[in-house]
Structure formats: C-alpha cells, structure tokens
Amino acid sequence: MIAAADFPRTAAGRTLLDRLAQLGVPLADITADSRAVKLGSIFVAYPGTKPADWDTRMSQITMMLSEPGRMKALQAMGKTTPVDAGKHLGNVRCPVLVVQGSADPDWADPRAEGEAIIADLPTGLGRLEMVDGAGHYPHVQFPAQVATAMLTFLAGVHA
C-alpha cells in the first residue's frame, strides 16, 4: 500500500493479501542461521488441512531464503510496524481489493481487520473479500477462489 500511495501512477489497482508487518510471528528474530525457515507459528497460519504441496512449499521457501539478500529483506519487513503501511492508506488513489481469511489466527476478528483497512482507504476505493475457512494464506489454501476474486476485481478496475 505504501507504493500505491507514493507512486499512484504505477498501477490501476492493488490487491492486499496480508498485512505482513502485523504478523504475530516474531519475524525480526529470524536470523541467517535459520535456513530451515524458523517462522515460529507459520504452522498455525494454515487452520485445518495443510495444502497438498506443503512440504514442497516449505522447501521452496527455505531455498529462497538462502539466496543472497533474501533473509535480510525478510528481517527488514519484520521490523516494520502497522503504522508504517497504515499511515499511507489515506493517500492511496487506486481501487484496492483486500483478501482476508476468515480463520486467520493473527486476528481476533479477521473480518473487522479487513474492514479497518477498507475504512482507512479513501471512500469507495476498497473492497473486502473474505475467504471462508482460510487462514493467513488464503491464496495458498484456496487459490481458485482468490484468483476468481482478483480477476473479477481487476475486470472492474479496467471496465
């Protein structure tokens, strides 16, 4: 959302899949020694059955984080606060789709969290898509549903 506010001509619309800066996971504590993707509570981010490709995805993340500069970038993201992105929401000038899992363990009330993001955007720019049963990664758990929501949103932006 910071890019959408600071560089409004770069895109006609934005999709927000999660608010990484507000994760309950202590991302700032991740070190270069944690090549095994020591993401603390990542396992609770997938309520219910984990995706079929869970082991493959965890291996991909581990390999990606071993690439030069990746761990440092993740650590920097973990040091940001909700205020860093939140203070820019009022400056966004393009439509925004917020995708939120109804079972996201990071929030006491995931719908209220999504509605708060919409409320902080200029009137009429935000739309909330709740994915029933999804945790913190709705795009991984329910990719077809999220893709449909995104394509519908983008079609409306370009109409």
Protein backbone atom coordinates (compact mmCIF):
# COMPACT_ATOMS: atom_id res chain seq x y z
CA MET A 1 0.00 0.00 0.00
CA ILE A 2 2.96 2.30 0.53
CA ALA A 3 3.83 2.00 -3.19
CA ALA A 4 0.19 2.65 -4.14
CA ALA A 5 0.24 5.85 -2.10
CA ASP A 6 3.72 7.07 -3.07
CA PHE A 7 3.57 6.07 -6.75
CA PRO A 8 -0.11 6.32 -7.75
CA ARG A 9 0.56 6.12 -11.48
CA THR A 10 2.26 2.71 -11.26
CA ALA A 11 -0.94 0.64 -11.23
CA ALA A 12 -4.66 0.91 -11.81
CA GLY A 13 -5.46 -1.27 -8.78
CA ARG A 14 -3.87 -3.13 -5.87
CA THR A 15 -4.57 -6.38 -4.07
CA LEU A 16 -3.63 -6.81 -0.42
CA LEU A 17 -3.34 -10.47 0.56
CA ASP A 18 -1.99 -9.95 4.05
CA ARG A 19 -0.53 -7.38 6.38
CA LEU A 20 2.86 -8.98 6.94
CA ALA A 21 4.01 -6.12 9.16
CA GLN A 22 1.32 -7.01 11.67
CA LEU A 23 2.05 -10.74 11.90
CA GLY A 24 2.15 -12.25 15.34
CA VAL A 25 5.26 -14.13 14.20
CA PRO A 26 8.47 -12.54 15.51
CA LEU A 27 9.95 -12.04 12.04
CA ALA A 28 12.56 -9.63 13.35
CA ASP A 29 14.06 -12.55 15.29
CA ILE A 30 14.74 -14.57 12.14
CA THR A 31 18.46 -14.90 11.58
CA ALA A 32 20.62 -16.01 8.70
CA ASP A 33 21.21 -19.22 10.67
CA SER A 34 17.55 -20.16 10.40
CA ARG A 35 17.80 -21.78 6.97
CA ALA A 36 15.12 -24.28 7.96
CA VAL A 37 12.54 -21.47 7.80
CA LYS A 38 12.21 -20.87 11.52
CA LEU A 39 8.99 -18.92 11.17
CA GLY A 40 7.71 -19.75 14.62
CA SER A 41 3.95 -20.01 14.27
CA ILE A 42 3.71 -20.45 10.49
CA PHE A 43 2.09 -23.84 11.09
CA VAL A 44 -0.93 -22.27 12.80
CA ALA A 45 -1.42 -19.95 9.82
CA TYR A 46 -2.99 -22.90 7.97
CA PRO A 47 -6.02 -23.95 10.04
CA GLY A 48 -7.45 -27.32 9.07
CA THR A 49 -5.75 -29.40 6.44
CA LYS A 50 -2.47 -28.05 5.11
CA PRO A 51 -2.16 -27.66 1.33
CA ALA A 52 -1.18 -30.84 -0.55
CA ASP A 53 2.13 -29.27 -1.56
CA TRP A 54 3.05 -28.19 2.00
CA ASP A 55 6.44 -29.97 2.14
CA THR A 56 7.38 -28.77 -1.34
CA ARG A 57 6.39 -25.19 -0.49
CA MET A 58 8.37 -25.22 2.75
CA SER A 59 11.42 -26.47 0.79
CA GLN A 60 10.94 -23.68 -1.77
CA ILE A 61 10.75 -21.06 0.97
CA THR A 62 13.87 -22.47 2.63
CA MET A 63 15.79 -22.33 -0.67
CA MET A 64 14.52 -18.83 -1.45
CA LEU A 65 15.59 -17.53 1.95
CA SER A 66 19.10 -18.89 1.36
CA GLU A 67 19.50 -16.66 -1.72
CA PRO A 68 21.74 -13.62 -1.17
CA GLY A 69 19.82 -10.73 0.38
CA ARG A 70 16.52 -12.59 0.91
CA MET A 71 16.93 -13.16 4.66
CA LYS A 72 17.98 -9.55 5.17
CA ALA A 73 14.86 -8.36 3.30
CA LEU A 74 12.64 -10.62 5.44
CA GLN A 75 14.25 -9.30 8.60
CA ALA A 76 13.64 -5.71 7.46
CA MET A 77 9.96 -6.47 6.80
CA GLY A 78 9.64 -7.93 10.26
CA LYS A 79 10.91 -4.71 11.81
CA THR A 80 8.19 -2.55 10.28
CA THR A 81 5.09 -1.66 12.26
CA PRO A 82 1.42 -1.40 11.30
CA VAL A 83 1.84 2.36 11.36
CA ASP A 84 4.43 2.19 8.55
CA ALA A 85 1.87 0.98 6.00
CA GLY A 86 -1.28 2.18 7.72
CA LYS A 87 -0.32 5.83 7.64
CA HIS A 88 -0.26 5.66 3.83
CA LEU A 89 -3.70 4.15 3.30
CA GLY A 90 -5.44 7.54 3.14
CA ASN A 91 -3.15 8.55 0.27
CA VAL A 92 -3.99 5.58 -1.97
CA ARG A 93 -5.70 6.70 -5.20
CA CYS A 94 -6.47 3.41 -6.93
CA PRO A 95 -9.00 0.68 -6.14
CA VAL A 96 -7.85 -1.91 -3.60
CA LEU A 97 -9.02 -5.48 -3.04
CA VAL A 98 -8.29 -6.78 0.46
CA VAL A 99 -8.34 -10.59 0.66
CA GLN A 100 -8.72 -11.89 4.21
CA GLY A 101 -9.03 -15.46 5.52
CA SER A 102 -11.97 -15.89 7.92
CA ALA A 103 -9.85 -18.17 10.14
CA ASP A 104 -6.66 -16.07 10.12
CA PRO A 105 -5.14 -16.76 13.56
CA ASP A 106 -3.33 -13.41 13.60
CA TRP A 107 -6.58 -11.54 14.28
CA ALA A 108 -9.27 -11.93 16.92
CA ASP A 109 -11.77 -10.84 14.27
CA PRO A 110 -10.39 -11.20 10.72
CA ARG A 111 -13.42 -9.50 9.14
CA ALA A 112 -13.02 -6.49 11.42
CA GLU A 113 -9.34 -6.30 10.47
CA GLY A 114 -10.21 -6.26 6.76
CA GLU A 115 -12.96 -3.71 7.33
CA ALA A 116 -10.50 -1.50 9.22
CA ILE A 117 -8.18 -1.47 6.20
CA ILE A 118 -11.09 -0.54 3.93
CA ALA A 119 -12.15 2.22 6.34
CA ASP A 120 -8.66 3.74 6.28
CA LEU A 121 -8.67 3.96 2.46
CA PRO A 122 -10.34 6.89 0.70
CA THR A 123 -14.10 6.31 0.44
CA GLY A 124 -15.14 3.94 -2.31
CA LEU A 125 -11.67 2.61 -3.18
CA GLY A 126 -11.60 -0.53 -1.06
CA ARG A 127 -13.36 -3.86 -1.35
CA LEU A 128 -13.08 -6.74 1.12
CA GLU A 129 -13.12 -10.38 0.01
CA MET A 130 -13.42 -12.84 2.90
CA VAL A 131 -12.30 -16.41 2.16
CA ASP A 132 -14.29 -18.72 4.41
CA GLY A 133 -12.13 -21.23 6.27
CA ALA A 134 -8.81 -19.78 5.12
CA GLY A 135 -6.04 -18.85 7.49
CA HIS A 136 -3.30 -16.29 6.91
CA TYR A 137 -2.56 -17.54 3.39
CA PRO A 138 -5.92 -17.68 1.57
CA HIS A 139 -4.18 -17.51 -1.81
CA VAL A 140 -2.33 -20.74 -0.99
CA GLN A 141 -5.21 -22.60 0.66
CA PHE A 142 -7.92 -21.55 -1.80
CA PRO A 143 -6.08 -20.41 -4.96
CA ALA A 144 -9.04 -20.76 -7.34
CA GLN A 145 -11.35 -18.70 -5.12
CA VAL A 146 -8.73 -15.99 -4.61
CA ALA A 147 -7.86 -15.93 -8.32
CA THR A 148 -11.53 -15.54 -9.23
CA ALA A 149 -11.92 -12.69 -6.74
CA MET A 150 -8.81 -10.97 -8.09
CA LEU A 151 -9.80 -11.37 -11.74
CA THR A 152 -13.31 -10.05 -11.03
CA PHE A 153 -11.80 -7.11 -9.17
CA LEU A 154 -9.32 -6.36 -11.96
CA ALA A 155 -12.02 -6.60 -14.62
CA GLY A 156 -13.96 -3.94 -12.73
CA VAL A 157 -10.89 -1.74 -12.44
CA HIS A 158 -10.33 -1.89 -16.19
CA ALA A 159 -14.01 -1.54 -17.16
